[in-house]
C-alpha atoms as a PDB file:
ATOM      1  CA  UNK A   1     -25.936  -1.173   6.935  1.00  0.00           C
ATOM      2  CA  UNK A   2     -22.777  -1.813   7.074  1.00  0.00           C
ATOM      3  CA  UNK A   3     -20.132  -0.119   9.074  1.00  0.00           C
ATOM      4  CA  UNK A   4     -16.804   1.214   7.527  1.00  0.00           C
ATOM      5  CA  UNK A   5     -13.569   2.492   9.151  1.00  0.00           C
ATOM      6  CA  UNK A   6     -11.634   5.072   6.392  1.00  0.00           C
ATOM      7  CA  UNK A   7      -8.020   5.698   8.076  1.00  0.00           C
ATOM      8  CA  UNK A   8      -7.162   8.714   6.640  1.00  0.00           C
ATOM      9  CA  UNK A   9      -3.284   9.944   8.708  1.00  0.00           C
ATOM     10  CA  UNK A  10      -3.672  13.722   7.069  1.00  0.00           C
ATOM     11  CA  UNK A  11      -6.759  15.375   5.112  1.00  0.00           C
ATOM     12  CA  UNK A  12      -4.749  15.629   1.441  1.00  0.00           C
ATOM     13  CA  UNK A  13      -7.030  16.716  -0.960  1.00  0.00           C
ATOM     14  CA  UNK A  14      -7.169  13.281  -2.639  1.00  0.00           C
ATOM     15  CA  UNK A  15      -7.418  11.598   0.760  1.00  0.00           C
ATOM     16  CA  UNK A  16     -10.731  13.769   1.298  1.00  0.00           C
ATOM     17  CA  UNK A  17     -11.955  13.158  -1.628  1.00  0.00           C
ATOM     18  CA  UNK A  18     -11.304   9.054  -1.133  1.00  0.00           C
ATOM     19  CA  UNK A  19     -13.437   9.867   1.993  1.00  0.00           C
ATOM     20  CA  UNK A  20     -16.376  11.876   0.401  1.00  0.00           C
ATOM     21  CA  UNK A  21     -16.548   9.031  -1.800  1.00  0.00           C
ATOM     22  CA  UNK A  22     -17.015   6.524   0.827  1.00  0.00           C
ATOM     23  CA  UNK A  23     -19.558   8.133   2.896  1.00  0.00           C
ATOM     24  CA  UNK A  24     -21.391   8.832  -0.091  1.00  0.00           C
ATOM     25  CA  UNK A  25     -22.175   5.086  -0.980  1.00  0.00           C
ATOM     26  CA  UNK A  26     -25.901   3.671  -0.049  1.00  0.00           C
ATOM     27  CA  UNK A  27     -26.019   2.640   3.493  1.00  0.00           C
ATOM     28  CA  UNK A  28     -22.559   3.009   4.520  1.00  0.00           C
ATOM     29  CA  UNK A  29     -22.156   4.625   7.929  1.00  0.00           C
ATOM     30  CA  UNK A  30     -18.414   5.901   8.135  1.00  0.00           C
ATOM     31  CA  UNK A  31     -15.912   6.163  10.748  1.00  0.00           C
ATOM     32  CA  UNK A  32     -13.194   8.108  10.241  1.00  0.00           C
ATOM     33  CA  UNK A  33      -9.389   7.611  12.117  1.00  0.00           C
ATOM     34  CA  UNK A  34      -7.204  10.203  11.526  1.00  0.00           C
ATOM     35  CA  UNK A  35      -4.333  12.260  13.212  1.00  0.00           C
ATOM     36  CA  UNK A  36      -5.590  15.783  11.938  1.00  0.00           C
ATOM     37  CA  UNK A  37      -8.347  17.160  13.970  1.00  0.00           C
ATOM     38  CA  UNK A  38     -11.959  16.693  12.499  1.00  0.00           C
ATOM     39  CA  UNK A  39     -12.521  20.461  11.901  1.00  0.00           C
ATOM     40  CA  UNK A  40     -10.232  20.037   9.177  1.00  0.00           C
ATOM     41  CA  UNK A  41     -12.690  18.577   7.053  1.00  0.00           C
ATOM     42  CA  UNK A  42     -15.296  20.390   5.183  1.00  0.00           C
ATOM     43  CA  UNK A  43     -18.464  20.608   7.490  1.00  0.00           C
ATOM     44  CA  UNK A  44     -21.117  19.013   4.978  1.00  0.00           C
ATOM     45  CA  UNK A  45     -18.203  15.768   4.959  1.00  0.00           C
ATOM     46  CA  UNK A  46     -17.673  16.445   8.924  1.00  0.00           C
ATOM     47  CA  UNK A  47     -21.195  16.227   9.483  1.00  0.00           C
ATOM     48  CA  UNK A  48     -21.929  12.861   7.229  1.00  0.00           C
ATOM     49  CA  UNK A  49     -19.573  10.900   9.548  1.00  0.00           C
ATOM     50  CA  UNK A  50     -20.863   8.113  12.041  1.00  0.00           C
ATOM     51  CA  UNK A  51     -18.083   8.388  14.326  1.00  0.00           C
ATOM     52  CA  UNK A  52     -14.414  10.241  14.369  1.00  0.00           C
ATOM     53  CA  UNK A  53     -11.170   9.194  16.437  1.00  0.00           C
ATOM     54  CA  UNK A  54      -8.178  11.250  16.282  1.00  0.00           C
ATOM     55  CA  UNK A  55      -4.861   9.572  17.100  1.00  0.00           C
ATOM     56  CA  UNK A  56      -1.318  10.341  17.401  1.00  0.00           C
ATOM     57  CA  UNK A  57       0.119   7.522  14.724  1.00  0.00           C
ATOM     58  CA  UNK A  58      -2.338   6.855  11.713  1.00  0.00           C
ATOM     59  CA  UNK A  59      -0.046   4.225  10.273  1.00  0.00           C
ATOM     60  CA  UNK A  60       0.637   2.061  13.452  1.00  0.00           C
ATOM     61  CA  UNK A  61      -1.356  -1.269  12.932  1.00  0.00           C
ATOM     62  CA  UNK A  62      -2.196  -1.415  16.382  1.00  0.00           C
ATOM     63  CA  UNK A  63      -3.171   2.322  17.092  1.00  0.00           C
ATOM     64  CA  UNK A  64      -5.379   1.322  14.045  1.00  0.00           C
ATOM     65  CA  UNK A  65      -6.887  -1.843  15.561  1.00  0.00           C
ATOM     66  CA  UNK A  66      -7.860  -0.314  19.055  1.00  0.00           C
ATOM     67  CA  UNK A  67      -9.124   2.998  17.215  1.00  0.00           C
ATOM     68  CA  UNK A  68     -11.600  -0.021  15.235  1.00  0.00           C
ATOM     69  CA  UNK A  69     -12.842  -1.432  18.424  1.00  0.00           C
ATOM     70  CA  UNK A  70     -13.826   1.944  19.990  1.00  0.00           C
ATOM     71  CA  UNK A  71     -15.480   3.066  16.673  1.00  0.00           C
ATOM     72  CA  UNK A  72     -16.850  -0.391  16.515  1.00  0.00           C
ATOM     73  CA  UNK A  73     -17.941  -0.449  20.161  1.00  0.00           C
ATOM     74  CA  UNK A  74     -20.231   2.871  19.437  1.00  0.00           C
ATOM     75  CA  UNK A  75     -21.599   2.017  15.841  1.00  0.00           C
ATOM     76  CA  UNK A  76     -22.217  -2.127  16.964  1.00  0.00           C
ATOM     77  CA  UNK A  77     -19.526  -3.680  14.745  1.00  0.00           C
ATOM     78  CA  UNK A  78     -16.713  -2.727  12.014  1.00  0.00           C
ATOM     79  CA  UNK A  79     -17.420  -4.686   8.853  1.00  0.00           C
ATOM     80  CA  UNK A  80     -14.743  -2.992   6.890  1.00  0.00           C
ATOM     81  CA  UNK A  81     -11.510  -1.118   7.230  1.00  0.00           C
ATOM     82  CA  UNK A  82     -10.090   0.906   4.433  1.00  0.00           C
ATOM     83  CA  UNK A  83      -7.453   3.891   3.725  1.00  0.00           C
ATOM     84  CA  UNK A  84      -5.811   4.999   0.511  1.00  0.00           C
ATOM     85  CA  UNK A  85      -2.273   5.743   1.085  1.00  0.00           C
ATOM     86  CA  UNK A  86       0.111   2.688   0.014  1.00  0.00           C
ATOM     87  CA  UNK A  87       2.039   2.941   3.474  1.00  0.00           C
ATOM     88  CA  UNK A  88      -1.038   2.293   5.085  1.00  0.00           C
ATOM     89  CA  UNK A  89      -1.639  -1.399   3.227  1.00  0.00           C
ATOM     90  CA  UNK A  90       0.240  -3.513   5.450  1.00  0.00           C
ATOM     91  CA  UNK A  91      -0.422  -1.935   8.663  1.00  0.00           C
ATOM     92  CA  UNK A  92      -4.388  -1.947   7.654  1.00  0.00           C
ATOM     93  CA  UNK A  93      -3.787  -5.653   6.819  1.00  0.00           C
ATOM     94  CA  UNK A  94      -2.342  -6.454  10.187  1.00  0.00           C
ATOM     95  CA  UNK A  95      -4.968  -4.762  11.910  1.00  0.00           C
ATOM     96  CA  UNK A  96      -7.662  -6.566   9.788  1.00  0.00           C
ATOM     97  CA  UNK A  97      -6.418  -9.764  10.710  1.00  0.00           C
ATOM     98  CA  UNK A  98      -5.972  -9.113  14.531  1.00  0.00           C
ATOM     99  CA  UNK A  99      -9.650  -7.843  14.560  1.00  0.00           C
ATOM    100  CA  UNK A 100     -10.758 -10.884  12.079  1.00  0.00           C
ATOM    101  CA  UNK A 101     -12.063  -8.083   9.190  1.00  0.00           C
ATOM    102  CA  UNK A 102     -12.385  -9.254   5.754  1.00  0.00           C
ATOM    103  CA  UNK A 103     -10.159  -7.796   3.319  1.00  0.00           C
ATOM    104  CA  UNK A 104      -6.382  -7.634   2.092  1.00  0.00           C
ATOM    105  CA  UNK A 105      -4.020  -9.370   4.829  1.00  0.00           C
ATOM    106  CA  UNK A 106      -0.394  -8.020   5.685  1.00  0.00           C
ATOM    107  CA  UNK A 107       0.957 -10.726   3.008  1.00  0.00           C
ATOM    108  CA  UNK A 108      -0.693  -9.826   0.398  1.00  0.00           C
ATOM    109  CA  UNK A 109       0.270  -6.173   0.965  1.00  0.00           C
ATOM    110  CA  UNK A 110       3.850  -6.840   1.775  1.00  0.00           C
ATOM    111  CA  UNK A 111       3.968  -8.318  -1.643  1.00  0.00           C
ATOM    112  CA  UNK A 112       3.494  -4.904  -3.268  1.00  0.00           C
ATOM    113  CA  UNK A 113       4.917  -2.907  -0.667  1.00  0.00           C
ATOM    114  CA  UNK A 114       8.525  -4.424  -1.321  1.00  0.00           C
ATOM    115  CA  UNK A 115       9.481  -3.614  -4.728  1.00  0.00           C
ATOM    116  CA  UNK A 116      12.063  -6.159  -5.131  1.00  0.00           C
ATOM    117  CA  UNK A 117       9.883  -8.763  -4.002  1.00  0.00           C
ATOM    118  CA  UNK A 118       7.179  -7.446  -5.839  1.00  0.00           C
ATOM    119  CA  UNK A 119       9.430  -8.541  -8.695  1.00  0.00           C
ATOM    120  CA  UNK A 120      10.129 -11.932  -7.844  1.00  0.00           C
ATOM    121  CA  UNK A 121       6.431 -12.420  -7.332  1.00  0.00           C
ATOM    122  CA  UNK A 122       5.835 -11.057 -10.879  1.00  0.00           C
ATOM    123  CA  UNK A 123       8.686 -13.158 -11.822  1.00  0.00           C
ATOM    124  CA  UNK A 124       7.300 -16.324 -10.367  1.00  0.00           C
ATOM    125  CA  UNK A 125       4.346 -15.634 -12.240  1.00  0.00           C
ATOM    126  CA  UNK A 126       5.724 -15.967 -15.703  1.00  0.00           C
ATOM    127  CA  UNK A 127       5.509 -11.784 -15.743  1.00  0.00           C
ATOM    128  CA  UNK A 128       9.038 -10.031 -17.356  1.00  0.00           C
ATOM    129  CA  UNK A 129      10.588  -7.793 -15.219  1.00  0.00           C
ATOM    130  CA  UNK A 130      13.716  -5.088 -15.232  1.00  0.00           C
ATOM    131  CA  UNK A 131      16.659  -7.473 -13.946  1.00  0.00           C
ATOM    132  CA  UNK A 132      16.828  -5.795 -10.092  1.00  0.00           C
ATOM    133  CA  UNK A 133      18.369  -6.841  -7.025  1.00  0.00           C
ATOM    134  CA  UNK A 134      18.168  -5.914  -3.209  1.00  0.00           C
ATOM    135  CA  UNK A 135      21.673  -3.912  -2.073  1.00  0.00           C
ATOM    136  CA  UNK A 136      22.896  -4.380   1.706  1.00  0.00           C
ATOM    137  CA  UNK A 137      26.346  -2.718   0.720  1.00  0.00           C
ATOM    138  CA  UNK A 138      28.548  -1.004  -1.487  1.00  0.00           C
ATOM    139  CA  UNK A 139      29.720  -4.389  -3.127  1.00  0.00           C
ATOM    140  CA  UNK A 140      26.546  -5.365  -4.090  1.00  0.00           C
ATOM    141  CA  UNK A 141      26.043  -2.038  -5.780  1.00  0.00           C
ATOM    142  CA  UNK A 142      29.109  -2.126  -7.892  1.00  0.00           C
ATOM    143  CA  UNK A 143      28.299  -5.989  -8.916  1.00  0.00           C
ATOM    144  CA  UNK A 144      24.995  -4.958  -9.945  1.00  0.00           C
ATOM    145  CA  UNK A 145      26.236  -1.956 -11.997  1.00  0.00           C
ATOM    146  CA  UNK A 146      29.260  -4.197 -13.377  1.00  0.00           C
ATOM    147  CA  UNK A 147      26.873  -6.650 -14.511  1.00  0.00           C
ATOM    148  CA  UNK A 148      23.796  -4.577 -16.045  1.00  0.00           C
ATOM    149  CA  UNK A 149      25.877  -1.651 -17.228  1.00  0.00           C
ATOM    150  CA  UNK A 150      23.854   2.048 -16.916  1.00  0.00           C
ATOM    151  CA  UNK A 151      21.354   3.669 -16.916  1.00  0.00           C
ATOM    152  CA  UNK A 152      20.707   2.411 -14.231  1.00  0.00           C
ATOM    153  CA  UNK A 153      17.585   2.948 -11.389  1.00  0.00           C
ATOM    154  CA  UNK A 154      17.878   3.094  -7.740  1.00  0.00           C
ATOM    155  CA  UNK A 155      15.108   3.616  -5.006  1.00  0.00           C
ATOM    156  CA  UNK A 156      13.806   2.913  -2.169  1.00  0.00           C
ATOM    157  CA  UNK A 157      12.163  -1.091  -1.678  1.00  0.00           C
ATOM    158  CA  UNK A 158       9.394   0.288   0.182  1.00  0.00           C
ATOM    159  CA  UNK A 159       8.672   3.448  -1.695  1.00  0.00           C
ATOM    160  CA  UNK A 160       5.328   5.179  -3.056  1.00  0.00           C
ATOM    161  CA  UNK A 161       4.937   6.598  -6.298  1.00  0.00           C
ATOM    162  CA  UNK A 162       8.262   7.696  -7.396  1.00  0.00           C
ATOM    163  CA  UNK A 163       9.784   9.732  -4.759  1.00  0.00           C
ATOM    164  CA  UNK A 164      13.172   9.109  -3.779  1.00  0.00           C
ATOM    165  CA  UNK A 165      13.617   7.032  -7.303  1.00  0.00           C
ATOM    166  CA  UNK A 166      16.783   8.173  -9.108  1.00  0.00           C
ATOM    167  CA  UNK A 167      17.949   7.702 -12.768  1.00  0.00           C
ATOM    168  CA  UNK A 168      21.935   7.165 -12.489  1.00  0.00           C
ATOM    169  CA  UNK A 169      23.807   7.182 -15.965  1.00  0.00           C
ATOM    170  CA  UNK A 170      27.147   6.743 -14.778  1.00  0.00           C
ATOM    171  CA  UNK A 171      29.647   5.462 -12.043  1.00  0.00           C
ATOM    172  CA  UNK A 172      30.168   9.067 -10.647  1.00  0.00           C
ATOM    173  CA  UNK A 173      26.325   9.354 -10.253  1.00  0.00           C
ATOM    174  CA  UNK A 174      25.914   6.128  -8.382  1.00  0.00           C
ATOM    175  CA  UNK A 175      28.508   7.029  -6.411  1.00  0.00           C
ATOM    176  CA  UNK A 176      26.583  10.105  -5.264  1.00  0.00           C
ATOM    177  CA  UNK A 177      23.800   8.252  -5.037  1.00  0.00           C
ATOM    178  CA  UNK A 178      25.008   6.401  -2.026  1.00  0.00           C
ATOM    179  CA  UNK A 179      26.040   9.089  -0.584  1.00  0.00           C
ATOM    180  CA  UNK A 180      22.543  10.418   0.702  1.00  0.00           C
ATOM    181  CA  UNK A 181      21.153   6.913   0.682  1.00  0.00           C
ATOM    182  CA  UNK A 182      23.327   4.215   1.974  1.00  0.00           C
ATOM    183  CA  UNK A 183      23.031   0.631   1.154  1.00  0.00           C
ATOM    184  CA  UNK A 184      23.640  -0.398   4.651  1.00  0.00           C
ATOM    185  CA  UNK A 185      20.181   0.810   5.794  1.00  0.00           C
ATOM    186  CA  UNK A 186      18.877  -2.330   4.224  1.00  0.00           C
ATOM    187  CA  UNK A 187      15.987  -0.262   2.218  1.00  0.00           C
ATOM    188  CA  UNK A 188      17.609   0.090  -0.971  1.00  0.00           C
ATOM    189  CA  UNK A 189      16.884  -1.845  -4.377  1.00  0.00           C
ATOM    190  CA  UNK A 190      18.507  -1.305  -7.900  1.00  0.00           C
ATOM    191  CA  UNK A 191      17.444  -1.919 -11.303  1.00  0.00           C
ATOM    192  CA  UNK A 192      17.881  -1.521 -14.854  1.00  0.00           C
ATOM    193  CA  UNK A 193      16.650   0.814 -16.411  1.00  0.00           C
ATOM    194  CA  UNK A 194      14.162   0.202 -19.790  1.00  0.00           C
ATOM    195  CA  UNK A 195      12.057   2.084 -21.982  1.00  0.00           C
ATOM    196  CA  UNK A 196       9.283   0.906 -23.334  1.00  0.00           C
ATOM    197  CA  UNK A 197       5.187   1.747 -22.941  1.00  0.00           C
ATOM    198  CA  UNK A 198       3.986   2.289 -19.393  1.00  0.00           C
ATOM    199  CA  UNK A 199       0.582   0.817 -18.178  1.00  0.00           C
ATOM    200  CA  UNK A 200      -1.369   0.846 -14.901  1.00  0.00           C
ATOM    201  CA  UNK A 201      -3.259  -1.871 -13.853  1.00  0.00           C
ATOM    202  CA  UNK A 202      -5.697  -1.469 -10.665  1.00  0.00           C
ATOM    203  CA  UNK A 203      -7.633  -4.462  -8.966  1.00  0.00           C
ATOM    204  CA  UNK A 204     -10.525  -4.788  -7.009  1.00  0.00           C
ATOM    205  CA  UNK A 205     -11.873  -7.530  -4.847  1.00  0.00           C
END
């Protein structure tokens, strides 16, 4: 009987559905790590958990690893470690490596968490990508804008979904964008705006 630890910092509606689906898998004993208290879960789901540990920071890899050790002590082992949030994937990879749990490692997770690096990995594999660059200062921004033209897309390198992703149509909009998201912070990238069909691919291993 596999022991699975699911990390869910907050009990968002979609996250609770993932927890419920995992708890419903035949033969799985599920331990849960969260920042939210267990009484915020639906009673029917809460009573199906084999273990639950509330932590201060559910996105910290050391906290996750320590929680797994404690839950593993209760259940006898931790065979798999998982979580649904994109922001969790690097910390989960680091915790798996620390505890020698099979699954995606931190380096693989960084390949898609850093969007500029992700495009470099794809380009090396022969996949065409929008022209893009990491930006560390305003000179980087204006140099790219001059070379590529408008419209452009400004986004965080480690974003999730389309949060904080902005289309800028001209120099004034780009200047305004940089007022609230300074390139000097090091987490910003800029890319050309392209149109076409959009496809989404998921993989399971």
